[in-house]
């Protein structure tokens, strides 16, 4: 069996150590050969992003360039129109063998909203779904809409061994939570304060070089 491939999407506006730690721990605990970090192109649920697609991709590329298990993936940025997870997974599936396991990595909050996504049921035919559990937040399973709870009951597997099948299961793994958010990082830059140790130094340097989140560049 080919080793499973992970998929981690997000606006990455900017990417920080919380994102990177999720990808790294998932690679360890799920035995992933590679994790694709995919900056969102035109996310349908967000009205505006502070940094451009080009800058967000550049920051992700800088953040992962020395980690052979992580790769920056631009496929959503080259697609026109709103971007949806199901389309991204279909694109990845066309590049993989029919037996290659794909694993969509989600936070518990994102999984709880999954039933609102476009063609969300089709995601289970394209990938396994793995939920990163924050310490003290294992009750995410109890706060699901009925239709998503039904899918969880049918598909949930205990443990962190990704099945040999290419898709269809729901797993979970405990995540060492880092209390970092992209909005808090942007606020620090706007206030002229240091964001050191919240994101890679190369990304900090890039943000300063391009003046990405300065007060005059803030989006209202």
N, C-alpha and C. Protein backbone atom coordinates (compact mmCIF):
# COMPACT_ATOMS: atom_id res chain seq x y z
N UNK A 1 0.84 -1.20 0.00
CA UNK A 1 0.00 0.00 0.00
C UNK A 1 0.87 1.24 0.00
N UNK A 2 0.50 2.24 -0.79
CA UNK A 2 1.19 3.52 -0.76
C UNK A 2 0.89 4.23 0.55
N UNK A 3 1.89 4.92 1.09
CA UNK A 3 1.67 5.68 2.32
C UNK A 3 0.66 6.78 2.07
N UNK A 4 -0.21 7.05 3.03
CA UNK A 4 -1.24 8.07 2.83
C UNK A 4 -0.66 9.46 2.68
N UNK A 5 -1.40 10.29 1.97
CA UNK A 5 -1.05 11.69 1.73
C UNK A 5 -2.03 12.57 2.48
N UNK A 6 -1.51 13.56 3.21
CA UNK A 6 -2.37 14.48 3.95
C UNK A 6 -2.69 15.73 3.16
N UNK A 7 -3.83 16.33 3.49
CA UNK A 7 -4.29 17.55 2.82
C UNK A 7 -4.73 18.53 3.91
N UNK A 8 -4.07 19.68 3.98
CA UNK A 8 -4.40 20.71 4.96
C UNK A 8 -4.62 22.03 4.25
N UNK A 9 -5.85 22.48 4.22
CA UNK A 9 -6.17 23.74 3.59
C UNK A 9 -6.36 24.85 4.61
N UNK A 10 -6.36 26.07 4.13
CA UNK A 10 -6.58 27.22 5.00
C UNK A 10 -6.25 28.50 4.26
N UNK A 11 -6.65 29.63 4.83
CA UNK A 11 -6.29 30.89 4.21
C UNK A 11 -4.80 31.18 4.39
N UNK A 12 -4.22 30.72 5.51
CA UNK A 12 -2.80 30.95 5.79
C UNK A 12 -2.46 32.43 5.61
N UNK A 13 -3.17 33.26 6.37
CA UNK A 13 -3.10 34.71 6.21
C UNK A 13 -2.70 35.40 7.52
N UNK A 14 -1.49 35.12 8.06
CA UNK A 14 -0.41 34.31 7.49
C UNK A 14 -0.36 32.91 8.10
N UNK A 15 0.49 32.05 7.53
CA UNK A 15 0.75 30.74 8.12
C UNK A 15 1.54 30.95 9.42
N UNK A 16 1.26 30.12 10.44
CA UNK A 16 1.95 30.25 11.72
C UNK A 16 2.23 28.87 12.29
N UNK A 17 2.85 28.83 13.47
CA UNK A 17 3.27 27.56 14.03
C UNK A 17 2.11 26.65 14.41
N UNK A 18 0.92 27.20 14.63
CA UNK A 18 -0.24 26.36 14.88
C UNK A 18 -0.56 25.49 13.67
N UNK A 19 -0.54 26.10 12.48
CA UNK A 19 -0.75 25.34 11.25
C UNK A 19 0.34 24.29 11.06
N UNK A 20 1.57 24.72 11.25
CA UNK A 20 2.70 23.83 10.98
C UNK A 20 2.76 22.68 11.97
N UNK A 21 2.41 22.95 13.22
CA UNK A 21 2.43 21.88 14.21
C UNK A 21 1.34 20.86 13.92
N UNK A 22 0.17 21.33 13.46
CA UNK A 22 -0.90 20.39 13.09
C UNK A 22 -0.42 19.48 11.97
N UNK A 23 0.21 20.04 10.95
CA UNK A 23 0.69 19.22 9.83
C UNK A 23 1.76 18.25 10.28
N UNK A 24 2.66 18.69 11.14
CA UNK A 24 3.77 17.85 11.60
C UNK A 24 3.27 16.70 12.47
N UNK A 25 2.37 17.01 13.40
CA UNK A 25 1.85 15.95 14.27
C UNK A 25 1.00 14.97 13.49
N UNK A 26 0.24 15.46 12.52
CA UNK A 26 -0.54 14.56 11.68
C UNK A 26 0.36 13.61 10.90
N UNK A 27 1.46 14.16 10.35
CA UNK A 27 2.40 13.32 9.61
C UNK A 27 2.97 12.23 10.51
N UNK A 28 3.29 12.57 11.75
CA UNK A 28 3.82 11.58 12.69
C UNK A 28 2.78 10.53 13.07
N UNK A 29 1.63 11.00 13.53
CA UNK A 29 0.66 10.09 14.14
C UNK A 29 -0.11 9.27 13.12
N UNK A 30 -0.25 9.79 11.91
CA UNK A 30 -0.99 9.08 10.87
C UNK A 30 -0.06 8.41 9.85
N UNK A 31 1.24 8.57 10.05
CA UNK A 31 2.25 7.98 9.16
C UNK A 31 2.03 8.46 7.73
N UNK A 32 1.93 9.78 7.56
CA UNK A 32 1.70 10.36 6.24
C UNK A 32 3.03 10.53 5.52
N UNK A 33 3.04 10.19 4.25
CA UNK A 33 4.25 10.37 3.45
C UNK A 33 4.50 11.84 3.15
N UNK A 34 3.43 12.61 3.02
CA UNK A 34 3.52 14.01 2.62
C UNK A 34 2.24 14.71 3.04
N UNK A 35 2.34 15.98 3.39
CA UNK A 35 1.16 16.80 3.67
C UNK A 35 1.18 17.99 2.72
N UNK A 36 0.11 18.12 1.93
CA UNK A 36 -0.06 19.28 1.05
C UNK A 36 -0.70 20.40 1.87
N UNK A 37 0.00 21.54 1.98
CA UNK A 37 -0.59 22.73 2.58
C UNK A 37 -1.10 23.61 1.45
N UNK A 38 -2.40 23.82 1.42
CA UNK A 38 -3.05 24.42 0.25
C UNK A 38 -3.70 25.74 0.64
N UNK A 39 -3.08 26.87 0.30
CA UNK A 39 -3.72 28.16 0.57
C UNK A 39 -5.02 28.30 -0.22
N UNK A 40 -6.05 28.78 0.45
CA UNK A 40 -7.34 28.96 -0.21
C UNK A 40 -7.25 30.04 -1.27
N UNK A 41 -7.91 29.79 -2.40
CA UNK A 41 -7.92 30.76 -3.48
C UNK A 41 -8.95 31.84 -3.23
N UNK A 42 -10.21 31.51 -3.46
CA UNK A 42 -11.32 32.44 -3.26
C UNK A 42 -12.33 31.73 -2.36
N UNK A 43 -12.06 31.65 -1.06
CA UNK A 43 -12.94 30.88 -0.18
C UNK A 43 -14.33 31.49 -0.13
N UNK A 44 -15.35 30.68 -0.37
CA UNK A 44 -16.71 31.20 -0.48
C UNK A 44 -17.22 31.75 0.84
N UNK A 45 -16.63 31.34 1.98
CA UNK A 45 -17.12 31.77 3.29
C UNK A 45 -16.38 32.98 3.83
N UNK A 46 -15.43 33.54 3.06
CA UNK A 46 -14.67 34.70 3.51
C UNK A 46 -14.85 35.83 2.52
N UNK A 47 -15.14 37.03 3.03
CA UNK A 47 -15.39 38.16 2.14
C UNK A 47 -14.10 38.79 1.63
N UNK A 48 -13.05 38.75 2.43
CA UNK A 48 -11.80 39.37 2.00
C UNK A 48 -10.64 38.77 2.78
N UNK A 49 -9.46 38.83 2.17
CA UNK A 49 -8.24 38.36 2.82
C UNK A 49 -7.26 39.52 2.86
N UNK A 50 -6.44 39.55 3.89
CA UNK A 50 -5.52 40.67 4.06
C UNK A 50 -4.36 40.62 3.08
N UNK A 51 -3.82 39.42 2.83
CA UNK A 51 -2.68 39.26 1.92
C UNK A 51 -3.14 38.64 0.61
N UNK A 52 -2.44 38.96 -0.45
CA UNK A 52 -2.79 38.42 -1.76
C UNK A 52 -2.48 36.93 -1.85
N UNK A 53 -3.04 36.29 -2.87
CA UNK A 53 -2.76 34.87 -3.10
C UNK A 53 -1.27 34.64 -3.27
N UNK A 54 -0.61 35.49 -4.03
CA UNK A 54 0.82 35.35 -4.28
C UNK A 54 1.62 35.42 -2.98
N UNK A 55 1.26 36.37 -2.12
CA UNK A 55 1.99 36.51 -0.86
C UNK A 55 1.70 35.35 0.10
N UNK A 56 0.48 34.89 0.13
CA UNK A 56 0.16 33.77 1.04
C UNK A 56 0.87 32.50 0.60
N UNK A 57 0.93 32.26 -0.70
CA UNK A 57 1.66 31.09 -1.20
C UNK A 57 3.15 31.22 -0.90
N UNK A 58 3.70 32.41 -1.08
CA UNK A 58 5.12 32.62 -0.80
C UNK A 58 5.42 32.35 0.67
N UNK A 59 4.54 32.77 1.57
CA UNK A 59 4.77 32.55 3.00
C UNK A 59 4.71 31.06 3.34
N UNK A 60 3.76 30.34 2.75
CA UNK A 60 3.68 28.90 2.98
C UNK A 60 4.94 28.21 2.45
N UNK A 61 5.37 28.61 1.27
CA UNK A 61 6.56 28.01 0.67
C UNK A 61 7.79 28.22 1.56
N UNK A 62 7.93 29.42 2.11
CA UNK A 62 9.05 29.70 3.01
C UNK A 62 8.95 28.85 4.28
N UNK A 63 7.74 28.70 4.79
CA UNK A 63 7.55 28.01 6.06
C UNK A 63 7.88 26.52 5.96
N UNK A 64 7.69 25.91 4.79
CA UNK A 64 7.84 24.45 4.67
C UNK A 64 9.08 24.03 3.89
N UNK A 65 9.88 24.98 3.44
CA UNK A 65 10.92 24.64 2.48
C UNK A 65 11.99 23.70 3.04
N UNK A 66 12.16 23.65 4.35
CA UNK A 66 13.17 22.77 4.93
C UNK A 66 12.58 21.51 5.54
N UNK A 67 11.31 21.24 5.25
CA UNK A 67 10.65 20.06 5.79
C UNK A 67 10.20 19.17 4.63
N UNK A 68 10.85 18.04 4.41
CA UNK A 68 10.52 17.21 3.25
C UNK A 68 9.13 16.56 3.34
N UNK A 69 8.51 16.60 4.52
CA UNK A 69 7.18 16.00 4.66
C UNK A 69 6.05 16.98 4.38
N UNK A 70 6.39 18.25 4.20
CA UNK A 70 5.38 19.27 3.94
C UNK A 70 5.67 19.94 2.61
N UNK A 71 4.60 20.24 1.86
CA UNK A 71 4.78 20.91 0.57
C UNK A 71 3.70 21.96 0.37
N UNK A 72 4.09 23.10 -0.21
CA UNK A 72 3.14 24.15 -0.57
C UNK A 72 2.49 23.79 -1.90
N UNK A 73 1.17 23.89 -1.95
CA UNK A 73 0.39 23.46 -3.12
C UNK A 73 -0.46 24.64 -3.57
N UNK A 74 -0.30 25.05 -4.83
CA UNK A 74 -0.97 26.26 -5.31
C UNK A 74 -2.26 25.99 -6.09
N UNK A 75 -2.78 24.79 -6.04
CA UNK A 75 -3.88 24.43 -6.96
C UNK A 75 -5.13 25.28 -6.76
N UNK A 76 -5.42 25.73 -5.55
CA UNK A 76 -6.61 26.56 -5.37
C UNK A 76 -6.39 27.98 -5.84
N UNK A 77 -5.14 28.40 -5.87
CA UNK A 77 -4.84 29.77 -6.29
C UNK A 77 -4.86 29.92 -7.81
N UNK A 78 -4.74 28.82 -8.52
CA UNK A 78 -4.75 28.87 -9.98
C UNK A 78 -6.14 28.57 -10.54
N UNK A 79 -7.09 28.30 -9.67
CA UNK A 79 -8.46 28.01 -10.10
C UNK A 79 -9.28 29.29 -10.07
N UNK A 80 -10.14 29.49 -11.05
CA UNK A 80 -10.99 30.67 -11.07
C UNK A 80 -12.29 30.40 -10.32
N UNK A 81 -12.86 31.45 -9.76
CA UNK A 81 -14.11 31.32 -9.05
C UNK A 81 -13.91 30.83 -7.63
N UNK A 82 -15.01 30.68 -6.88
CA UNK A 82 -14.92 30.22 -5.50
C UNK A 82 -14.27 28.84 -5.41
N UNK A 83 -13.53 28.62 -4.34
CA UNK A 83 -12.84 27.34 -4.16
C UNK A 83 -13.57 26.51 -3.10
N UNK A 84 -13.71 25.22 -3.42
CA UNK A 84 -14.41 24.29 -2.55
C UNK A 84 -13.52 23.07 -2.30
N UNK A 85 -13.62 22.55 -1.09
CA UNK A 85 -12.78 21.41 -0.70
C UNK A 85 -13.01 20.22 -1.61
N UNK A 86 -14.24 19.97 -1.99
CA UNK A 86 -14.52 18.79 -2.81
C UNK A 86 -13.80 18.89 -4.16
N UNK A 87 -13.72 20.09 -4.74
CA UNK A 87 -13.01 20.26 -6.01
C UNK A 87 -11.51 20.02 -5.84
N UNK A 88 -10.97 20.50 -4.73
CA UNK A 88 -9.55 20.29 -4.46
C UNK A 88 -9.23 18.82 -4.31
N UNK A 89 -10.06 18.09 -3.60
CA UNK A 89 -9.84 16.65 -3.42
C UNK A 89 -10.00 15.91 -4.74
N UNK A 90 -10.95 16.32 -5.57
CA UNK A 90 -11.09 15.69 -6.89
C UNK A 90 -9.81 15.90 -7.71
N UNK A 91 -9.24 17.09 -7.62
CA UNK A 91 -8.01 17.37 -8.35
C UNK A 91 -6.86 16.50 -7.84
N UNK A 92 -6.73 16.38 -6.54
CA UNK A 92 -5.69 15.53 -5.98
C UNK A 92 -5.91 14.06 -6.33
N UNK A 93 -7.15 13.65 -6.35
CA UNK A 93 -7.45 12.24 -6.66
C UNK A 93 -7.06 11.90 -8.09
N UNK A 94 -7.21 12.84 -9.02
CA UNK A 94 -6.83 12.57 -10.41
C UNK A 94 -5.32 12.40 -10.56
N UNK A 95 -4.54 12.94 -9.61
CA UNK A 95 -3.09 12.82 -9.66
C UNK A 95 -2.58 11.60 -8.91
N UNK A 96 -3.47 10.93 -8.18
CA UNK A 96 -3.07 9.80 -7.35
C UNK A 96 -3.57 8.50 -7.97
N UNK A 97 -2.99 7.41 -7.53
CA UNK A 97 -3.50 6.12 -7.97
C UNK A 97 -4.85 5.87 -7.32
N UNK A 98 -5.60 4.97 -7.89
CA UNK A 98 -6.94 4.66 -7.37
C UNK A 98 -6.89 4.11 -5.96
N UNK A 99 -5.75 3.58 -5.55
CA UNK A 99 -5.64 2.97 -4.22
C UNK A 99 -4.91 3.87 -3.22
N UNK A 100 -4.48 5.05 -3.64
CA UNK A 100 -3.73 5.95 -2.76
C UNK A 100 -4.64 6.56 -1.69
N UNK A 101 -4.40 6.30 -0.41
CA UNK A 101 -5.22 6.95 0.62
C UNK A 101 -4.91 8.44 0.72
N UNK A 102 -5.94 9.24 0.68
CA UNK A 102 -5.85 10.67 0.93
C UNK A 102 -6.51 10.96 2.27
N UNK A 103 -5.93 11.88 3.04
CA UNK A 103 -6.45 12.20 4.37
C UNK A 103 -6.65 13.71 4.47
N UNK A 104 -7.90 14.13 4.58
CA UNK A 104 -8.22 15.54 4.78
C UNK A 104 -8.11 15.86 6.26
N UNK A 105 -7.25 16.80 6.59
CA UNK A 105 -7.00 17.19 7.98
C UNK A 105 -7.87 18.39 8.34
N UNK A 106 -8.64 18.25 9.42
CA UNK A 106 -9.54 19.32 9.85
C UNK A 106 -9.43 19.52 11.35
N UNK A 107 -9.62 20.76 11.78
CA UNK A 107 -9.85 21.02 13.18
C UNK A 107 -11.27 20.61 13.54
N UNK A 108 -11.51 20.41 14.83
CA UNK A 108 -12.85 19.99 15.26
C UNK A 108 -13.92 21.02 14.87
N UNK A 109 -13.59 22.30 14.98
CA UNK A 109 -14.56 23.34 14.62
C UNK A 109 -14.94 23.25 13.15
N UNK A 110 -13.95 23.01 12.30
CA UNK A 110 -14.23 22.90 10.87
C UNK A 110 -15.07 21.67 10.57
N UNK A 111 -14.77 20.56 11.24
CA UNK A 111 -15.55 19.36 10.99
C UNK A 111 -17.01 19.56 11.39
N UNK A 112 -17.25 20.28 12.47
CA UNK A 112 -18.62 20.52 12.91
C UNK A 112 -19.43 21.30 11.88
N UNK A 113 -18.75 22.05 11.02
CA UNK A 113 -19.43 22.84 9.98
C UNK A 113 -19.48 22.13 8.64
N UNK A 114 -18.97 20.92 8.57
CA UNK A 114 -18.78 20.26 7.28
C UNK A 114 -20.08 20.06 6.52
N UNK A 115 -21.17 19.86 7.20
CA UNK A 115 -22.46 19.64 6.53
C UNK A 115 -22.95 20.88 5.79
N UNK A 116 -22.31 22.02 5.99
CA UNK A 116 -22.68 23.23 5.25
C UNK A 116 -21.85 23.41 3.99
N UNK A 117 -20.89 22.51 3.75
CA UNK A 117 -20.00 22.64 2.61
C UNK A 117 -20.66 22.13 1.34
N UNK A 118 -20.18 22.61 0.23
CA UNK A 118 -20.67 22.19 -1.08
C UNK A 118 -20.35 20.71 -1.32
N UNK A 119 -21.36 19.93 -1.69
CA UNK A 119 -21.21 18.51 -2.02
C UNK A 119 -20.41 17.76 -0.94
N UNK A 120 -20.74 18.04 0.32
CA UNK A 120 -19.91 17.56 1.42
C UNK A 120 -19.91 16.04 1.53
N UNK A 121 -21.01 15.39 1.21
CA UNK A 121 -21.04 13.93 1.32
C UNK A 121 -20.07 13.26 0.35
N UNK A 122 -19.80 13.92 -0.78
CA UNK A 122 -18.88 13.34 -1.76
C UNK A 122 -17.44 13.32 -1.25
N UNK A 123 -17.15 14.12 -0.26
CA UNK A 123 -15.78 14.15 0.28
C UNK A 123 -15.37 12.78 0.81
N UNK A 124 -16.30 12.04 1.39
CA UNK A 124 -15.97 10.73 1.96
C UNK A 124 -15.62 9.70 0.89
N UNK A 125 -16.04 9.95 -0.35
CA UNK A 125 -15.65 9.06 -1.45
C UNK A 125 -14.29 9.42 -2.02
N UNK A 126 -13.75 10.58 -1.61
CA UNK A 126 -12.49 11.06 -2.15
C UNK A 126 -11.34 10.93 -1.16
N UNK A 127 -11.65 10.96 0.14
CA UNK A 127 -10.60 10.98 1.15
C UNK A 127 -11.13 10.45 2.48
N UNK A 128 -10.21 10.05 3.34
CA UNK A 128 -10.52 9.90 4.75
C UNK A 128 -10.53 11.29 5.36
N UNK A 129 -11.23 11.45 6.45
CA UNK A 129 -11.26 12.72 7.17
C UNK A 129 -10.68 12.49 8.56
N UNK A 130 -9.70 13.30 8.93
CA UNK A 130 -9.08 13.15 10.25
C UNK A 130 -9.22 14.46 11.01
N UNK A 131 -9.79 14.36 12.22
CA UNK A 131 -10.08 15.53 13.04
C UNK A 131 -8.99 15.68 14.10
N UNK A 132 -8.41 16.87 14.17
CA UNK A 132 -7.41 17.17 15.19
C UNK A 132 -8.14 17.63 16.46
N UNK A 133 -8.00 16.85 17.51
CA UNK A 133 -8.69 17.14 18.77
C UNK A 133 -7.80 18.00 19.67
N UNK A 134 -8.33 19.15 20.08
CA UNK A 134 -7.61 19.98 21.04
C UNK A 134 -7.79 19.42 22.44
N UNK A 135 -6.79 19.61 23.31
CA UNK A 135 -6.92 19.13 24.69
C UNK A 135 -8.17 19.71 25.35
N UNK A 136 -8.95 18.84 25.96
CA UNK A 136 -10.15 19.27 26.64
C UNK A 136 -11.34 19.52 25.75
N UNK A 137 -11.22 19.19 24.45
CA UNK A 137 -12.31 19.44 23.51
C UNK A 137 -12.72 18.17 22.77
N UNK A 138 -12.67 17.02 23.48
CA UNK A 138 -13.04 15.76 22.85
C UNK A 138 -14.55 15.64 22.64
N UNK A 139 -15.33 16.56 23.20
CA UNK A 139 -16.78 16.49 23.07
C UNK A 139 -17.28 17.02 21.73
N UNK A 140 -16.39 17.26 20.77
CA UNK A 140 -16.83 17.76 19.46
C UNK A 140 -17.81 16.80 18.79
N UNK A 141 -17.72 15.51 19.11
CA UNK A 141 -18.63 14.54 18.51
C UNK A 141 -20.08 14.75 18.95
N UNK A 142 -20.27 15.39 20.10
CA UNK A 142 -21.62 15.55 20.65
C UNK A 142 -22.32 16.80 20.13
N UNK A 143 -21.62 17.62 19.35
CA UNK A 143 -22.19 18.89 18.90
C UNK A 143 -22.33 18.93 17.39
N UNK A 144 -22.73 17.80 16.79
CA UNK A 144 -22.83 17.71 15.35
C UNK A 144 -24.28 17.74 14.91
N UNK A 145 -24.57 18.32 13.74
CA UNK A 145 -25.92 18.20 13.18
C UNK A 145 -26.22 16.73 12.88
N UNK A 146 -27.49 16.39 12.86
CA UNK A 146 -27.91 14.98 12.76
C UNK A 146 -27.33 14.29 11.53
N UNK A 147 -27.33 14.96 10.39
CA UNK A 147 -26.86 14.30 9.16
C UNK A 147 -25.36 14.04 9.20
N UNK A 148 -24.60 14.90 9.86
CA UNK A 148 -23.17 14.69 9.99
C UNK A 148 -22.89 13.64 11.06
N UNK A 149 -23.68 13.66 12.12
CA UNK A 149 -23.54 12.65 13.16
C UNK A 149 -23.78 11.25 12.59
N UNK A 150 -24.73 11.14 11.69
CA UNK A 150 -25.00 9.85 11.05
C UNK A 150 -23.78 9.36 10.27
N UNK A 151 -23.14 10.25 9.55
CA UNK A 151 -21.94 9.88 8.81
C UNK A 151 -20.81 9.47 9.76
N UNK A 152 -20.66 10.21 10.85
CA UNK A 152 -19.63 9.87 11.83
C UNK A 152 -19.86 8.49 12.42
N UNK A 153 -21.10 8.20 12.78
CA UNK A 153 -21.41 6.91 13.37
C UNK A 153 -21.09 5.75 12.42
N UNK A 154 -21.27 5.98 11.15
CA UNK A 154 -21.01 4.94 10.15
C UNK A 154 -19.53 4.78 9.84
N UNK A 155 -18.76 5.86 9.99
CA UNK A 155 -17.41 5.89 9.41
C UNK A 155 -16.29 5.97 10.45
N UNK A 156 -16.60 6.27 11.69
CA UNK A 156 -15.54 6.54 12.68
C UNK A 156 -14.75 5.28 13.01
N UNK A 157 -13.43 5.44 13.02
CA UNK A 157 -12.52 4.37 13.41
C UNK A 157 -11.68 4.84 14.60
N UNK A 158 -11.61 4.08 15.68
CA UNK A 158 -10.73 4.47 16.78
C UNK A 158 -9.27 4.29 16.39
N UNK A 159 -8.40 5.01 17.07
CA UNK A 159 -6.98 4.91 16.76
C UNK A 159 -6.58 5.83 15.63
N UNK A 160 -5.31 5.74 15.24
CA UNK A 160 -4.78 6.65 14.22
C UNK A 160 -4.16 5.90 13.04
N UNK A 161 -4.58 4.65 12.83
CA UNK A 161 -4.10 3.89 11.68
C UNK A 161 -5.00 4.16 10.49
N UNK A 162 -4.45 4.80 9.47
CA UNK A 162 -5.24 5.09 8.27
C UNK A 162 -5.51 3.78 7.54
N UNK A 163 -6.76 3.50 7.19
CA UNK A 163 -7.08 2.23 6.52
C UNK A 163 -6.39 2.10 5.16
N UNK A 164 -6.30 0.88 4.67
CA UNK A 164 -5.72 0.63 3.36
C UNK A 164 -6.59 1.21 2.24
N UNK A 165 -7.89 1.34 2.49
CA UNK A 165 -8.78 1.88 1.47
C UNK A 165 -8.40 3.34 1.17
N UNK A 166 -8.69 3.81 -0.03
CA UNK A 166 -8.29 5.16 -0.41
C UNK A 166 -9.09 6.27 0.27
N UNK A 167 -10.29 5.96 0.79
CA UNK A 167 -11.16 7.00 1.33
C UNK A 167 -12.25 6.35 2.19
N UNK A 168 -13.05 7.21 2.87
CA UNK A 168 -14.28 6.74 3.46
C UNK A 168 -14.37 6.71 4.96
N UNK A 169 -13.27 6.85 5.69
CA UNK A 169 -13.30 6.75 7.15
C UNK A 169 -13.14 8.12 7.80
N UNK A 170 -13.53 8.19 9.07
CA UNK A 170 -13.28 9.36 9.91
C UNK A 170 -12.42 8.91 11.09
N UNK A 171 -11.30 9.60 11.29
CA UNK A 171 -10.41 9.32 12.40
C UNK A 171 -10.21 10.60 13.20
N UNK A 172 -9.53 10.47 14.33
CA UNK A 172 -9.19 11.64 15.14
C UNK A 172 -7.85 11.41 15.79
N UNK A 173 -7.16 12.50 16.07
CA UNK A 173 -5.91 12.37 16.82
C UNK A 173 -5.76 13.57 17.75
N UNK A 174 -5.17 13.37 18.92
CA UNK A 174 -4.97 14.49 19.86
C UNK A 174 -3.89 15.42 19.36
N UNK A 175 -4.17 16.71 19.40
CA UNK A 175 -3.24 17.72 18.89
C UNK A 175 -2.71 18.55 20.04
N UNK A 176 -1.42 18.74 20.08
CA UNK A 176 -0.82 19.65 21.06
C UNK A 176 -1.18 21.07 20.65
N UNK A 177 -2.09 21.66 21.38
CA UNK A 177 -2.66 22.93 20.96
C UNK A 177 -1.71 24.09 21.21
N UNK A 178 -1.50 24.91 20.19
CA UNK A 178 -0.78 26.17 20.31
C UNK A 178 -1.80 27.29 20.15
N UNK A 179 -1.89 28.14 21.14
CA UNK A 179 -2.92 29.19 21.14
C UNK A 179 -2.46 30.37 20.28
N UNK A 180 -2.47 30.12 18.96
CA UNK A 180 -2.05 31.13 17.99
C UNK A 180 -3.14 31.25 16.94
N UNK A 181 -3.48 32.45 16.55
CA UNK A 181 -4.43 32.65 15.46
C UNK A 181 -3.84 33.64 14.47
N UNK A 182 -4.22 33.49 13.21
CA UNK A 182 -3.73 34.41 12.19
C UNK A 182 -4.22 35.83 12.45
N UNK A 183 -5.44 35.98 12.97
CA UNK A 183 -5.97 37.31 13.25
C UNK A 183 -5.15 38.00 14.34
N UNK A 184 -4.72 37.23 15.36
CA UNK A 184 -3.90 37.81 16.41
C UNK A 184 -2.53 38.21 15.89
N UNK A 185 -1.98 37.38 14.99
CA UNK A 185 -0.68 37.71 14.38
C UNK A 185 -0.79 39.00 13.57
N UNK A 186 -1.84 39.11 12.77
CA UNK A 186 -2.02 40.34 11.98
C UNK A 186 -2.16 41.56 12.87
N UNK A 187 -2.87 41.39 13.99
CA UNK A 187 -3.05 42.52 14.92
C UNK A 187 -1.72 42.98 15.51
N UNK A 188 -0.83 42.04 15.78
CA UNK A 188 0.48 42.41 16.29
C UNK A 188 1.25 43.24 15.28
N UNK A 189 1.23 42.82 14.02
CA UNK A 189 1.93 43.60 12.99
C UNK A 189 1.30 44.98 12.83
N UNK A 190 -0.02 45.05 12.85
CA UNK A 190 -0.68 46.35 12.71
C UNK A 190 -0.31 47.29 13.86
N UNK A 191 -0.11 46.70 15.05
CA UNK A 191 0.24 47.50 16.22
C UNK A 191 1.73 47.79 16.32
N UNK A 192 2.51 47.27 15.37
CA UNK A 192 3.95 47.48 15.41
C UNK A 192 4.64 46.68 16.49
N UNK A 193 4.03 45.58 16.93
CA UNK A 193 4.59 44.74 17.98
C UNK A 193 5.22 43.49 17.37
N UNK A 194 6.00 42.78 18.16
CA UNK A 194 6.73 41.62 17.67
C UNK A 194 5.83 40.38 17.58
N UNK A 195 5.96 39.66 16.47
CA UNK A 195 5.28 38.36 16.30
C UNK A 195 6.29 37.23 16.31
N UNK A 196 7.51 37.52 16.74
CA UNK A 196 8.56 36.50 16.79
C UNK A 196 8.12 35.34 17.68
N UNK A 197 8.48 34.13 17.25
CA UNK A 197 8.17 32.86 17.93
C UNK A 197 6.71 32.43 17.78
N UNK A 198 5.92 33.16 17.01
CA UNK A 198 4.57 32.72 16.67
C UNK A 198 4.50 32.14 15.27
N UNK A 199 5.49 32.45 14.46
CA UNK A 199 5.57 31.96 13.09
C UNK A 199 7.04 31.94 12.69
N UNK A 200 7.38 31.20 11.62
CA UNK A 200 8.79 31.08 11.26
C UNK A 200 9.44 32.43 10.99
N UNK A 201 10.73 32.54 11.33
CA UNK A 201 11.43 33.81 11.16
C UNK A 201 11.46 34.24 9.70
N UNK A 202 11.52 33.26 8.77
CA UNK A 202 11.51 33.61 7.35
C UNK A 202 10.19 34.28 6.95
N UNK A 203 9.10 33.83 7.57
CA UNK A 203 7.79 34.42 7.28
C UNK A 203 7.69 35.81 7.89
N UNK A 204 8.21 35.97 9.11
CA UNK A 204 8.24 37.30 9.74
C UNK A 204 9.00 38.28 8.84
N UNK A 205 10.16 37.85 8.35
CA UNK A 205 10.97 38.72 7.48
C UNK A 205 10.22 39.06 6.20
N UNK A 206 9.51 38.09 5.62
CA UNK A 206 8.77 38.33 4.39
C UNK A 206 7.65 39.35 4.63
N UNK A 207 6.95 39.20 5.73
CA UNK A 207 5.85 40.12 6.05
C UNK A 207 6.39 41.55 6.20
N UNK A 208 7.51 41.68 6.89
CA UNK A 208 8.09 43.01 7.08
C UNK A 208 8.59 43.58 5.76
N UNK A 209 9.23 42.74 4.94
CA UNK A 209 9.76 43.20 3.67
C UNK A 209 8.65 43.75 2.78
N UNK A 210 7.50 43.06 2.77
CA UNK A 210 6.40 43.45 1.88
C UNK A 210 5.32 44.27 2.59
N UNK A 211 5.57 44.58 3.87
CA UNK A 211 4.66 45.47 4.61
C UNK A 211 3.21 44.98 4.54
N UNK A 212 3.03 43.69 4.79
CA UNK A 212 1.74 43.07 4.50
C UNK A 212 0.63 43.47 5.48
N UNK A 213 0.94 43.53 6.75
CA UNK A 213 -0.12 43.72 7.74
C UNK A 213 0.04 45.00 8.53
N UNK A 214 0.69 45.99 7.93
CA UNK A 214 0.84 47.29 8.60
C UNK A 214 -0.52 47.95 8.77
N UNK A 215 -0.58 48.91 9.67
CA UNK A 215 -1.86 49.54 9.97
C UNK A 215 -2.51 50.13 8.72
N UNK A 216 -1.69 50.74 7.84
CA UNK A 216 -2.27 51.36 6.65
C UNK A 216 -2.74 50.34 5.63
N UNK A 217 -2.31 49.04 5.82
CA UNK A 217 -2.72 48.00 4.87
C UNK A 217 -3.89 47.17 5.39
N UNK A 218 -4.37 47.50 6.60
CA UNK A 218 -5.45 46.70 7.20
C UNK A 218 -6.71 46.80 6.38
N UNK A 219 -7.43 45.69 6.32
CA UNK A 219 -8.71 45.65 5.61
C UNK A 219 -9.82 45.95 6.62
N UNK A 220 -10.71 46.82 6.26
CA UNK A 220 -11.79 47.21 7.17
C UNK A 220 -12.84 46.12 7.24
